[in-house]
Amino acid sequence: MKFKPLRHLILSSLLVLPLAGHAAERLNMLCAADNDWCELMRNSFEKESRVEVSMVRKSAGEIYAQLRAEANNPKTDIWWAGTGDPHLQASAEGLTEMYKSPMLAKLHPWAQKQAEISGYRTVGIYAGLLGIGYNPEVLKRKGVMAPKCWKDLLNPAYKGEVQLPNPNSSGTAYNMIATLVQLQGENEAFDFMKKLNDNVSQYTKSGSAPAKAAGRGETGIGVTFQHDLLKETLAGFPVEVISPCEGTGYEVGSMSIVKGAKNMESAKRFYEFALRADVQSLAAKANALQVPANKEASIPPRAPRLESVKTINYDSAKYGSNETRRRLLKRWDDEIFSLPR
């Protein structure tokens, strides 16, 4: 029997051991954009970085609830997209990591402000306008005029033809409540929503669901973000989009690194990746029509612009606070969701 020299065996061991002990880089990501965009971001980052990404798509409100439940043992590294209010609420509870990106100066002021308000525990990545969408074929069959304003949604002819998202799971819906409160006053807004409940067929789990339902003729009217409504038109569905005449609110979609993330370096790599102009310009490939935060990113031609419509001065600091959110959600549950439909 022939034995290998001892020196050869030692060198072989030194070469093999680091390889055997080396673990592939990973990233656990929760995404609150439409699934097409979530997958595009995951695949693009994986291809460039060689980091293995595990991605789950959920509504922003669901992600916020999950981070709270997992606070003592985080299973997520980064939360990408979704309305900014729950990101701010998570930051206020210390659920997200303070991280000041060197790319902040390249972002629009509204994206930088989101970071400043949170103590740099979140950052704006896109902006989107709240709107009303309707299916003209459905309304024509019912013989009713299309809405132009928030107040028009109370028209009794729309009974059973309005879909809204549920604010307990949807950041879009909470943005709508906050918008109505800032437009009308709190008591007046809740009186409005009580009357509107008579026309609501369903409070959906997802913020974009009313847009899909309107596009497919399952409902006449859906209230959600305009980019979600316009995405249905790109798919060939008959949806008309309006900005309510009284004025409307908007979201600053955000991104946050989870406090205690187990893959912190991978999370920071994705964070910087997601703020780049070339990466934000990829959104059009997924028919995502939000306005990107990076000032050098290309804006999809059909993306609704904040400067083009009448908007409210949305108070992100107040309506992104835990105290305000919990109070408004409890009041909505007690006074609106409990009503018969």
Protein backbone atom coordinates (compact mmCIF):
# COMPACT_ATOMS: atom_id res chain seq x y z
CA MET A 1 0.00 0.00 0.00
CA LYS A 2 1.35 3.45 -0.95
CA PHE A 3 0.99 6.31 1.56
CA LYS A 4 0.94 10.04 0.68
CA PRO A 5 3.59 12.20 2.33
CA LEU A 6 2.45 13.91 5.54
CA ARG A 7 3.20 17.36 4.12
CA HIS A 8 0.84 16.70 1.20
CA LEU A 9 -1.97 15.67 3.57
CA ILE A 10 -1.58 18.82 5.68
CA LEU A 11 -1.65 21.11 2.63
CA SER A 12 -4.75 19.35 1.29
CA SER A 13 -6.52 19.83 4.61
CA LEU A 14 -5.71 23.54 4.68
CA LEU A 15 -7.16 23.93 1.20
CA VAL A 16 -10.33 21.97 1.89
CA LEU A 17 -11.35 23.20 5.35
CA PRO A 18 -12.14 26.85 4.47
CA LEU A 19 -14.20 25.74 1.51
CA ALA A 20 -16.14 23.24 3.58
CA GLY A 21 -16.86 25.85 6.26
CA HIS A 22 -17.79 28.65 3.84
CA ALA A 23 -21.50 29.58 3.88
CA ALA A 24 -23.14 31.26 0.90
CA GLU A 25 -24.32 34.84 1.48
CA ARG A 26 -28.06 35.09 2.04
CA LEU A 27 -30.75 37.75 2.35
CA ASN A 28 -34.26 37.36 3.76
CA MET A 29 -36.50 39.99 2.22
CA LEU A 30 -40.11 41.04 2.71
CA CYS A 31 -41.56 42.97 -0.21
CA ALA A 32 -44.73 45.08 -0.30
CA ALA A 33 -44.76 46.07 -3.97
CA ASP A 34 -46.60 44.15 -6.68
CA ASN A 35 -45.17 40.66 -7.10
CA ASP A 36 -43.72 41.37 -10.57
CA TRP A 37 -41.60 44.19 -9.20
CA CYS A 38 -40.61 42.19 -6.10
CA GLU A 39 -39.36 39.34 -8.28
CA LEU A 40 -37.53 41.73 -10.60
CA MET A 41 -35.66 43.25 -7.65
CA ARG A 42 -34.82 39.86 -6.17
CA ASN A 43 -33.59 38.39 -9.46
CA SER A 44 -31.58 41.48 -10.41
CA PHE A 45 -29.84 41.62 -7.03
CA GLU A 46 -29.13 37.88 -7.02
CA LYS A 47 -27.61 38.05 -10.50
CA GLU A 48 -25.35 41.00 -9.66
CA SER A 49 -24.33 40.13 -6.10
CA ARG A 50 -24.49 36.31 -6.07
CA VAL A 51 -26.35 36.66 -2.76
CA GLU A 52 -29.10 34.08 -2.35
CA VAL A 53 -32.36 35.95 -1.71
CA SER A 54 -35.42 34.47 -0.02
CA MET A 55 -38.30 36.84 -0.83
CA VAL A 56 -41.92 36.85 0.39
CA ARG A 57 -44.54 39.31 -0.86
CA LYS A 58 -47.00 40.74 1.71
CA SER A 59 -48.99 43.92 2.28
CA ALA A 60 -47.23 46.65 4.25
CA GLY A 61 -49.52 46.31 7.25
CA GLU A 62 -48.89 42.57 7.38
CA ILE A 63 -45.13 43.08 7.25
CA TYR A 64 -45.25 45.62 10.07
CA ALA A 65 -47.24 43.14 12.19
CA GLN A 66 -44.74 40.37 11.38
CA LEU A 67 -41.75 42.49 12.41
CA ARG A 68 -43.44 43.29 15.70
CA ALA A 69 -44.15 39.61 16.33
CA GLU A 70 -40.56 38.62 15.51
CA ALA A 71 -38.85 41.51 17.31
CA ASN A 72 -37.00 39.26 19.76
CA ASN A 73 -35.81 36.88 17.04
CA PRO A 74 -35.85 38.61 13.63
CA LYS A 75 -36.26 36.32 10.65
CA THR A 76 -36.18 39.15 8.11
CA ASP A 77 -33.19 41.24 7.02
CA ILE A 78 -34.76 43.90 4.84
CA TRP A 79 -38.23 45.29 4.15
CA TRP A 80 -38.48 46.77 0.68
CA ALA A 81 -41.41 48.89 -0.58
CA GLY A 82 -44.87 49.57 0.77
CA THR A 83 -46.37 52.81 2.05
CA GLY A 84 -44.13 54.89 4.27
CA ASP A 85 -46.44 55.19 7.28
CA PRO A 86 -45.92 51.63 8.60
CA HIS A 87 -42.18 51.96 7.94
CA LEU A 88 -42.19 55.06 10.17
CA GLN A 89 -44.20 53.23 12.80
CA ALA A 90 -41.70 50.37 12.76
CA SER A 91 -38.84 52.84 13.12
CA ALA A 92 -40.51 54.50 16.10
CA GLU A 93 -40.73 51.11 17.83
CA GLY A 94 -37.05 50.42 17.21
CA LEU A 95 -37.83 47.54 14.86
CA THR A 96 -35.53 48.86 12.15
CA GLU A 97 -31.83 49.65 11.99
CA MET A 98 -30.38 53.16 11.79
CA TYR A 99 -28.43 53.41 8.53
CA LYS A 100 -27.46 56.60 6.73
CA SER A 101 -26.73 55.84 3.10
CA PRO A 102 -24.00 57.79 1.29
CA MET A 103 -26.48 58.02 -1.59
CA LEU A 104 -28.99 60.21 0.27
CA ALA A 105 -27.91 63.39 -1.53
CA LYS A 106 -28.94 61.80 -4.84
CA LEU A 107 -32.56 61.38 -3.70
CA HIS A 108 -35.51 63.75 -4.05
CA PRO A 109 -36.24 65.91 -0.97
CA TRP A 110 -39.36 63.90 -0.10
CA ALA A 111 -37.26 60.71 0.06
CA GLN A 112 -34.61 62.39 2.19
CA LYS A 113 -37.30 63.78 4.49
CA GLN A 114 -38.62 60.26 5.10
CA ALA A 115 -35.14 59.26 6.28
CA GLU A 116 -34.78 62.34 8.49
CA ILE A 117 -38.19 61.89 10.15
CA SER A 118 -37.33 58.30 11.06
CA GLY A 119 -33.89 59.07 12.44
CA TYR A 120 -32.47 57.30 9.37
CA ARG A 121 -34.26 54.03 10.17
CA THR A 122 -36.07 54.09 6.80
CA VAL A 123 -35.72 55.91 3.48
CA GLY A 124 -38.02 56.88 0.62
CA ILE A 125 -37.64 54.84 -2.56
CA TYR A 126 -40.63 56.01 -4.64
CA ALA A 127 -43.73 58.22 -4.52
CA GLY A 128 -47.30 57.48 -5.60
CA LEU A 129 -50.60 59.36 -5.69
CA LEU A 130 -53.82 58.10 -4.12
CA GLY A 131 -56.72 58.04 -6.57
CA ILE A 132 -60.09 56.69 -7.64
CA GLY A 133 -60.40 54.25 -10.51
CA TYR A 134 -63.53 53.13 -12.28
CA ASN A 135 -64.56 50.70 -14.97
CA PRO A 136 -66.57 52.71 -17.55
CA GLU A 137 -68.26 49.58 -18.90
CA VAL A 138 -69.63 48.64 -15.46
CA LEU A 139 -70.88 52.17 -14.76
CA LYS A 140 -72.45 52.40 -18.23
CA ARG A 141 -74.39 49.18 -17.61
CA LYS A 142 -75.67 50.65 -14.36
CA GLY A 143 -76.49 53.95 -16.04
CA VAL A 144 -74.51 56.10 -13.60
CA MET A 145 -72.03 58.91 -14.06
CA ALA A 146 -68.35 58.47 -13.25
CA PRO A 147 -67.07 60.02 -10.00
CA LYS A 148 -64.85 63.08 -10.04
CA CYS A 149 -64.51 63.83 -6.34
CA TRP A 150 -64.38 62.04 -2.97
CA LYS A 151 -67.91 63.24 -2.21
CA ASP A 152 -69.23 61.56 -5.36
CA LEU A 153 -68.49 58.13 -3.86
CA LEU A 154 -71.51 58.61 -1.57
CA ASN A 155 -73.88 58.47 -4.58
CA PRO A 156 -76.53 55.81 -3.70
CA ALA A 157 -76.31 54.57 -7.30
CA TYR A 158 -72.88 53.14 -6.43
CA LYS A 159 -74.27 50.75 -3.81
CA GLY A 160 -72.29 47.51 -3.90
CA GLU A 161 -69.93 48.88 -6.55
CA VAL A 162 -67.07 50.30 -4.43
CA GLN A 163 -64.07 48.33 -3.19
CA LEU A 164 -61.62 49.68 -0.61
CA PRO A 165 -58.65 48.00 1.05
CA ASN A 166 -58.67 47.16 4.77
CA PRO A 167 -56.31 49.38 6.80
CA ASN A 168 -55.49 46.58 9.23
CA SER A 169 -53.52 44.82 6.50
CA SER A 170 -53.06 47.49 3.85
CA GLY A 171 -50.85 50.56 4.06
CA THR A 172 -52.78 51.95 1.09
CA ALA A 173 -56.00 51.98 3.12
CA TYR A 174 -54.36 53.67 6.09
CA ASN A 175 -53.02 56.31 3.69
CA MET A 176 -56.60 56.85 2.48
CA ILE A 177 -57.90 57.30 6.04
CA ALA A 178 -55.09 59.73 6.87
CA THR A 179 -55.80 61.62 3.64
CA LEU A 180 -59.53 61.98 4.39
CA VAL A 181 -58.82 63.07 7.96
CA GLN A 182 -56.42 65.76 6.77
CA LEU A 183 -58.84 66.91 4.06
CA GLN A 184 -62.05 66.95 6.07
CA GLY A 185 -61.21 66.84 9.78
CA GLU A 186 -61.32 63.62 11.79
CA ASN A 187 -64.97 63.51 12.84
CA GLU A 188 -66.12 64.62 9.40
CA ALA A 189 -63.93 61.98 7.73
CA PHE A 190 -65.39 59.21 9.87
CA ASP A 191 -68.91 60.42 9.13
CA PHE A 192 -67.98 60.28 5.44
CA MET A 193 -66.62 56.74 5.74
CA LYS A 194 -69.76 55.59 7.59
CA LYS A 195 -71.90 56.80 4.70
CA LEU A 196 -69.47 55.37 2.16
CA ASN A 197 -69.75 51.95 3.83
CA ASP A 198 -73.27 51.68 2.38
CA ASN A 199 -71.72 51.47 -1.09
CA VAL A 200 -68.76 49.21 -0.22
CA SER A 201 -68.97 45.59 -1.34
CA GLN A 202 -65.65 44.50 0.15
CA TYR A 203 -62.68 45.71 2.19
CA THR A 204 -59.81 43.85 0.55
CA LYS A 205 -56.68 42.50 2.23
CA SER A 206 -54.35 43.97 -0.39
CA GLY A 207 -54.10 47.62 -1.36
CA SER A 208 -53.88 46.86 -5.08
CA ALA A 209 -56.83 44.42 -5.08
CA PRO A 210 -59.49 47.12 -5.81
CA ALA A 211 -57.56 48.07 -8.96
CA LYS A 212 -57.55 44.48 -10.19
CA ALA A 213 -61.24 44.06 -9.37
CA ALA A 214 -62.17 47.25 -11.25
CA GLY A 215 -60.12 46.18 -14.25
CA ARG A 216 -61.87 42.82 -14.45
CA GLY A 217 -65.34 44.29 -14.00
CA GLU A 218 -65.83 42.71 -10.57
CA THR A 219 -66.54 46.17 -9.15
CA GLY A 220 -67.36 49.50 -10.70
CA ILE A 221 -65.05 51.63 -8.53
CA GLY A 222 -61.82 51.01 -6.62
CA VAL A 223 -59.85 53.35 -4.39
CA THR A 224 -56.11 52.74 -4.34
CA PHE A 225 -52.88 54.24 -5.63
CA GLN A 226 -52.99 55.55 -9.16
CA HIS A 227 -49.96 53.53 -10.30
CA ASP A 228 -51.83 50.33 -9.40
CA LEU A 229 -54.85 51.48 -11.38
CA LEU A 230 -52.74 52.48 -14.38
CA LYS A 231 -50.98 49.11 -14.33
CA GLU A 232 -54.36 47.55 -15.14
CA THR A 233 -54.67 49.77 -18.21
CA LEU A 234 -51.23 48.59 -19.40
CA ALA A 235 -52.58 45.04 -19.17
CA GLY A 236 -55.44 46.03 -21.46
CA PHE A 237 -58.23 46.36 -18.90
CA PRO A 238 -60.77 49.23 -19.09
CA VAL A 239 -59.90 51.45 -16.11
CA GLU A 240 -60.15 55.23 -15.93
CA VAL A 241 -58.14 57.03 -13.24
CA ILE A 242 -58.95 60.32 -11.54
CA SER A 243 -57.43 62.55 -8.90
CA PRO A 244 -60.31 63.63 -6.61
CA CYS A 245 -61.30 67.26 -7.11
CA GLU A 246 -60.94 68.16 -3.41
CA GLY A 247 -57.29 67.07 -3.43
CA THR A 248 -55.60 63.81 -2.62
CA GLY A 249 -52.85 62.26 -0.55
CA TYR A 250 -49.76 60.39 -1.58
CA GLU A 251 -47.35 57.80 -0.32
CA VAL A 252 -43.61 57.77 0.03
CA GLY A 253 -42.84 54.11 -0.49
CA SER A 254 -39.94 53.15 1.75
CA MET A 255 -37.21 50.66 2.58
CA SER A 256 -35.93 49.58 6.01
CA ILE A 257 -33.24 47.30 7.38
CA VAL A 258 -34.57 45.14 10.21
CA LYS A 259 -33.02 45.65 13.64
CA GLY A 260 -30.90 42.62 14.55
CA ALA A 261 -30.87 41.32 10.96
CA LYS A 262 -28.90 38.08 10.80
CA ASN A 263 -27.53 38.98 7.35
CA MET A 264 -26.73 42.62 8.02
CA GLU A 265 -24.01 43.05 5.40
CA SER A 266 -26.22 41.57 2.69
CA ALA A 267 -29.05 43.88 3.81
CA LYS A 268 -26.80 46.93 3.46
CA ARG A 269 -25.65 45.74 0.03
CA PHE A 270 -29.26 45.46 -1.12
CA TYR A 271 -30.07 48.88 0.41
CA GLU A 272 -27.38 50.58 -1.66
CA PHE A 273 -28.33 48.54 -4.73
CA ALA A 274 -31.99 49.60 -4.43
CA LEU A 275 -31.14 53.32 -4.21
CA ARG A 276 -29.12 53.36 -7.44
CA ALA A 277 -30.59 55.24 -10.42
CA ASP A 278 -30.08 52.36 -12.84
CA VAL A 279 -31.84 49.92 -10.50
CA GLN A 280 -34.77 52.25 -9.86
CA SER A 281 -35.09 52.73 -13.62
CA LEU A 282 -35.77 48.99 -13.95
CA ALA A 283 -39.24 49.49 -12.43
CA ALA A 284 -40.77 50.13 -15.87
CA LYS A 285 -39.94 46.54 -16.83
CA ALA A 286 -42.44 45.40 -14.19
CA ASN A 287 -44.99 48.07 -15.26
CA ALA A 288 -44.39 49.79 -11.91
CA LEU A 289 -45.43 53.41 -12.46
CA GLN A 290 -44.28 55.04 -9.24
CA VAL A 291 -41.96 58.08 -9.33
CA PRO A 292 -38.47 56.87 -8.32
CA ALA A 293 -36.64 58.51 -5.42
CA ASN A 294 -33.29 58.82 -7.17
CA LYS A 295 -33.24 62.11 -9.07
CA GLU A 296 -31.19 60.54 -11.89
CA ALA A 297 -33.54 57.58 -12.42
CA SER A 298 -35.80 57.57 -15.47
CA ILE A 299 -39.49 58.14 -14.69
CA PRO A 300 -41.96 55.87 -16.53
CA PRO A 301 -43.81 58.06 -19.09
CA ARG A 302 -47.24 57.23 -17.64
CA ALA A 303 -46.27 57.66 -14.00
CA PRO A 304 -48.56 60.13 -12.20
CA ARG A 305 -46.57 63.16 -11.00
CA LEU A 306 -47.17 64.80 -7.62
CA GLU A 307 -46.76 68.27 -9.14
CA SER A 308 -49.46 67.60 -11.75
CA VAL A 309 -52.44 67.29 -9.37
CA LYS A 310 -53.87 68.95 -6.30
CA THR A 311 -52.32 67.24 -3.27
CA ILE A 312 -52.64 67.76 0.45
CA ASN A 313 -49.61 68.63 2.58
CA TYR A 314 -49.41 65.07 3.89
CA ASP A 315 -48.13 65.08 7.49
CA SER A 316 -45.94 61.97 7.51
CA ALA A 317 -44.56 62.63 10.98
CA LYS A 318 -48.02 62.72 12.59
CA TYR A 319 -49.75 60.00 10.58
CA GLY A 320 -46.65 57.81 10.63
CA SER A 321 -46.67 57.79 14.44
CA ASN A 322 -47.75 54.71 16.37
CA GLU A 323 -50.14 56.65 18.59
CA THR A 324 -52.06 58.18 15.67
CA ARG A 325 -52.13 54.95 13.68
CA ARG A 326 -53.43 52.81 16.54
CA ARG A 327 -56.08 55.33 17.46
CA LEU A 328 -57.35 55.73 13.89
CA LEU A 329 -57.34 51.97 13.24
CA LYS A 330 -59.27 51.28 16.43
CA ARG A 331 -61.79 53.94 15.55
CA TRP A 332 -62.13 52.51 12.03
CA ASP A 333 -62.69 48.99 13.43
CA ASP A 334 -65.23 50.24 15.98
CA GLU A 335 -67.16 52.68 13.80
CA ILE A 336 -66.76 51.49 10.19
CA PHE A 337 -65.77 47.83 9.87
CA SER A 338 -68.40 46.77 12.40
CA LEU A 339 -71.20 48.22 10.23
CA PRO A 340 -73.35 45.89 8.11
CA ARG A 341 -72.82 45.78 4.35
